[in-house]
Amino acid sequence: MHDGFATRIDAIAADVIAERAAAFGHTVEQEVSALRRDLRALTVAEKLALSAQQRAMASTDCLSDDSTLIIRWYRDTSGGRDTDDGWADDDGR
């Protein structure tokens, strides 16, 4: 992920924190402190519940295959650039 993705996420997060602080009558610093204080890792049961929820939302009306071969082909051919397509620029590939 590039092209400013992290910057956009940071901006969205800052906006959300500022809105949340305003809603609760806090300063941004107080809201960040509250978020850090309340932060905790998910339990195994919570992780399993999230996983089940995501699986339930996944489409089941289409077939999906293992993408390992496709990933290896892209890796081994530099995204298809190193394949022989019959053009003069293949350098004997």
Protein backbone atom coordinates (compact mmCIF):
# COMPACT_ATOMS: atom_id res chain seq x y z
CA MET A 1 0.00 0.00 0.00
CA HIS A 2 1.44 3.28 -1.05
CA ASP A 3 0.49 6.54 -2.72
CA GLY A 4 -0.43 8.23 0.54
CA PHE A 5 -2.62 5.42 1.90
CA ALA A 6 -1.10 5.69 5.37
CA THR A 7 -1.48 9.46 5.28
CA ARG A 8 -5.16 9.16 4.40
CA ILE A 9 -5.74 6.62 7.17
CA ASP A 10 -3.95 8.89 9.65
CA ALA A 11 -6.13 11.81 8.58
CA ILE A 12 -9.32 9.75 8.92
CA ALA A 13 -8.25 8.52 12.36
CA ALA A 14 -7.44 12.06 13.49
CA ASP A 15 -10.84 13.28 12.30
CA VAL A 16 -12.63 10.45 14.12
CA ILE A 17 -10.73 11.11 17.34
CA ALA A 18 -11.48 14.84 17.11
CA GLU A 19 -15.20 14.17 16.50
CA ARG A 20 -15.33 11.68 19.36
CA ALA A 21 -13.57 14.13 21.68
CA ALA A 22 -16.05 16.87 20.76
CA ALA A 23 -19.00 14.53 21.33
CA PHE A 24 -17.79 13.68 24.84
CA GLY A 25 -16.62 17.19 25.67
CA HIS A 26 -12.97 16.14 25.87
CA THR A 27 -9.85 17.58 24.37
CA VAL A 28 -8.17 15.48 21.70
CA GLU A 29 -5.39 14.66 24.17
CA GLN A 30 -7.93 13.44 26.75
CA GLU A 31 -9.66 11.30 24.15
CA VAL A 32 -6.38 9.73 23.00
CA SER A 33 -5.53 8.99 26.64
CA ALA A 34 -8.95 7.38 27.14
CA LEU A 35 -8.53 5.28 23.99
CA ARG A 36 -5.09 4.10 25.10
CA ARG A 37 -6.37 3.30 28.58
CA ASP A 38 -9.27 1.23 27.22
CA LEU A 39 -7.18 -0.54 24.59
CA ARG A 40 -6.76 -4.27 25.06
CA ALA A 41 -5.99 -7.26 22.90
CA LEU A 42 -8.88 -9.38 21.64
CA THR A 43 -9.47 -12.68 23.36
CA VAL A 44 -9.40 -15.92 21.39
CA ALA A 45 -13.20 -16.14 21.63
CA GLU A 46 -13.55 -12.58 20.26
CA LYS A 47 -11.18 -13.37 17.39
CA LEU A 48 -13.14 -16.53 16.55
CA ALA A 49 -16.41 -14.58 16.63
CA LEU A 50 -14.99 -11.96 14.23
CA SER A 51 -13.70 -14.71 11.95
CA ALA A 52 -17.09 -16.43 11.91
CA GLN A 53 -18.79 -13.12 11.16
CA GLN A 54 -16.47 -12.44 8.21
CA ARG A 55 -16.91 -15.97 6.86
CA ALA A 56 -20.67 -15.56 7.07
CA MET A 57 -20.44 -12.45 4.88
CA ALA A 58 -18.32 -14.20 2.24
CA SER A 59 -19.96 -15.21 -1.00
CA THR A 60 -20.72 -18.91 -1.26
CA ASP A 61 -22.27 -18.95 -4.74
CA CYS A 62 -18.99 -18.98 -6.62
CA LEU A 63 -16.06 -21.33 -6.74
CA SER A 64 -12.69 -20.15 -5.56
CA ASP A 65 -9.38 -21.84 -6.15
CA ASP A 66 -6.09 -21.82 -4.37
CA SER A 67 -4.17 -18.81 -5.69
CA THR A 68 -0.72 -20.24 -4.90
CA LEU A 69 0.06 -21.05 -8.55
CA ILE A 70 -0.98 -17.59 -9.71
CA ILE A 71 1.12 -15.90 -7.03
CA ARG A 72 4.14 -18.04 -7.94
CA TRP A 73 3.69 -17.24 -11.65
CA TYR A 74 3.62 -13.49 -10.94
CA ARG A 75 6.67 -13.83 -8.68
CA ASP A 76 8.67 -15.97 -11.12
CA THR A 77 7.86 -13.93 -14.24
CA SER A 78 8.08 -10.43 -12.68
CA GLY A 79 4.37 -9.95 -13.14
CA GLY A 80 4.41 -11.46 -16.62
CA ARG A 81 7.17 -9.19 -17.93
CA ASP A 82 9.59 -12.12 -18.30
CA THR A 83 7.33 -14.27 -20.48
CA ASP A 84 7.78 -14.94 -24.18
CA ASP A 85 4.95 -13.20 -26.00
CA GLY A 86 6.63 -13.44 -29.42
CA TRP A 87 7.74 -9.82 -29.64
CA ALA A 88 11.28 -8.78 -30.53
CA ASP A 89 11.90 -7.35 -27.05
CA ASP A 90 11.84 -10.77 -25.36
CA ASP A 91 15.60 -11.30 -25.61
CA GLY A 92 15.15 -15.00 -26.21
CA ARG A 93 12.89 -15.66 -23.25
